[in-house]
Amino acid sequence: MILIIKHLFHKNYVGLSLWPFIILKNDRLKEDAILINHERIHLKQQIELLILPFYIIYVVEWLIRTLIYFDSYKAYQNISFEREAYRNEKNMDYLKERKPLSFFKYL
């Protein structure tokens, strides 16, 4: 299910997956197939990890990478979940061919 909550987002962020929802900054973004695919990859990751562990690992990985890079945005870009989603967001068949727990390849 896709929700629109325009005041939730900071700067350049336009989408977010909080199982079972994809939350977007504006209604136009529903037509952005690449963004929707990116967020669906996150929903798959969340299901694989039984939801709550996904969020815990995401935050811990972001914190560790922030300490490594001294840059919170660079840390975000290097979270394994984000790396998998960004690298495969243009492949509309990715979720059909994706192996379980594929984000481990991006740690």
Protein backbone atom coordinates (compact mmCIF):
# COMPACT_ATOMS: atom_id res chain seq x y z
CA MET A 1 0.00 0.00 0.00
CA ILE A 2 1.32 3.44 -0.92
CA LEU A 3 0.76 6.43 1.36
CA ILE A 4 1.55 10.10 0.67
CA ILE A 5 2.96 12.09 3.61
CA LYS A 6 4.74 15.15 2.26
CA HIS A 7 5.93 16.61 5.57
CA LEU A 8 7.74 13.45 6.69
CA PHE A 9 10.75 13.87 4.43
CA HIS A 10 13.98 15.80 4.88
CA LYS A 11 15.83 17.42 1.97
CA ASN A 12 16.22 15.10 -1.03
CA TYR A 13 14.54 12.04 0.48
CA VAL A 14 11.31 11.18 -1.33
CA GLY A 15 10.40 7.64 -0.32
CA LEU A 16 10.45 5.29 2.63
CA SER A 17 9.35 1.73 3.30
CA LEU A 18 7.82 0.90 6.65
CA TRP A 19 6.33 -2.55 6.29
CA PRO A 20 3.72 -2.94 4.86
CA PHE A 21 3.66 0.61 3.51
CA ILE A 22 5.59 2.59 0.94
CA ILE A 23 5.45 6.23 2.00
CA LEU A 24 6.11 8.89 -0.62
CA LYS A 25 6.66 12.64 -0.49
CA ASN A 26 4.06 13.42 -3.16
CA ASP A 27 1.43 11.75 -5.33
CA ARG A 28 3.47 12.14 -8.56
CA LEU A 29 6.06 9.71 -7.24
CA LYS A 30 3.59 6.81 -7.55
CA GLU A 31 4.47 6.85 -11.26
CA ASP A 32 8.23 6.53 -10.63
CA ALA A 33 8.74 2.82 -11.35
CA ILE A 34 12.40 2.87 -10.26
CA LEU A 35 11.60 4.46 -6.89
CA ILE A 36 8.72 2.04 -6.28
CA ASN A 37 10.96 -0.91 -7.19
CA HIS A 38 13.64 0.41 -4.79
CA GLU A 39 11.10 0.59 -1.97
CA ARG A 40 9.71 -2.86 -2.80
CA ILE A 41 13.22 -4.27 -2.45
CA HIS A 42 13.25 -2.82 1.07
CA LEU A 43 9.87 -4.39 1.83
CA LYS A 44 11.28 -7.77 0.78
CA GLN A 45 14.32 -7.24 3.01
CA GLN A 46 12.04 -6.35 5.91
CA ILE A 47 9.92 -9.48 5.48
CA GLU A 48 13.02 -11.70 5.29
CA LEU A 49 14.26 -10.38 8.62
CA LEU A 50 10.81 -10.53 10.26
CA ILE A 51 10.51 -6.72 10.18
CA LEU A 52 11.86 -5.51 13.55
CA PRO A 53 15.39 -6.94 13.14
CA PHE A 54 15.60 -5.14 9.78
CA TYR A 55 15.13 -1.77 11.48
CA ILE A 56 17.57 -2.61 14.27
CA ILE A 57 20.26 -3.74 11.83
CA TYR A 58 19.59 -0.72 9.59
CA VAL A 59 20.09 1.76 12.44
CA VAL A 60 23.13 -0.04 13.89
CA GLU A 61 24.76 -0.27 10.47
CA TRP A 62 24.04 3.42 9.84
CA LEU A 63 25.55 4.39 13.21
CA ILE A 64 28.69 2.33 12.63
CA ARG A 65 29.14 3.68 9.11
CA THR A 66 28.58 7.25 10.35
CA LEU A 67 31.50 6.75 12.74
CA ILE A 68 33.61 5.30 9.94
CA TYR A 69 32.85 7.99 7.33
CA PHE A 70 32.10 10.98 9.61
CA ASP A 71 29.31 11.68 7.13
CA SER A 72 25.73 10.55 7.80
CA TYR A 73 24.68 10.71 4.13
CA LYS A 74 27.66 8.64 2.98
CA ALA A 75 26.85 6.23 5.81
CA TYR A 76 23.26 5.96 4.53
CA GLN A 77 24.47 5.28 0.99
CA ASN A 78 26.67 2.44 2.24
CA ILE A 79 24.13 0.58 4.37
CA SER A 80 23.93 -2.92 2.90
CA PHE A 81 20.15 -2.69 2.43
CA GLU A 82 20.51 0.57 0.51
CA ARG A 83 23.39 -0.69 -1.60
CA GLU A 84 21.33 -3.69 -2.70
CA ALA A 85 18.28 -1.54 -3.45
CA TYR A 86 20.20 1.16 -5.36
CA ARG A 87 22.20 -1.35 -7.40
CA ASN A 88 19.08 -3.24 -8.48
CA GLU A 89 16.31 -0.62 -8.55
CA LYS A 90 16.37 -0.34 -12.36
CA ASN A 91 15.96 -4.10 -12.82
CA MET A 92 12.19 -4.54 -12.72
CA ASP A 93 12.63 -8.33 -12.59
CA TYR A 94 15.04 -8.23 -9.65
CA LEU A 95 12.52 -9.28 -7.02
CA LYS A 96 11.55 -12.31 -9.12
CA GLU A 97 15.15 -13.48 -9.49
CA ARG A 98 16.54 -12.29 -6.14
CA LYS A 99 17.87 -14.94 -3.77
CA PRO A 100 16.91 -14.72 -0.07
CA LEU A 101 19.07 -12.52 2.12
CA SER A 102 20.88 -11.05 -0.89
CA PHE A 103 21.73 -7.89 1.05
CA PHE A 104 24.52 -9.87 2.79
CA LYS A 105 26.56 -9.54 -0.43
CA TYR A 106 26.62 -5.77 0.16
CA LEU A 107 27.97 -5.74 3.71
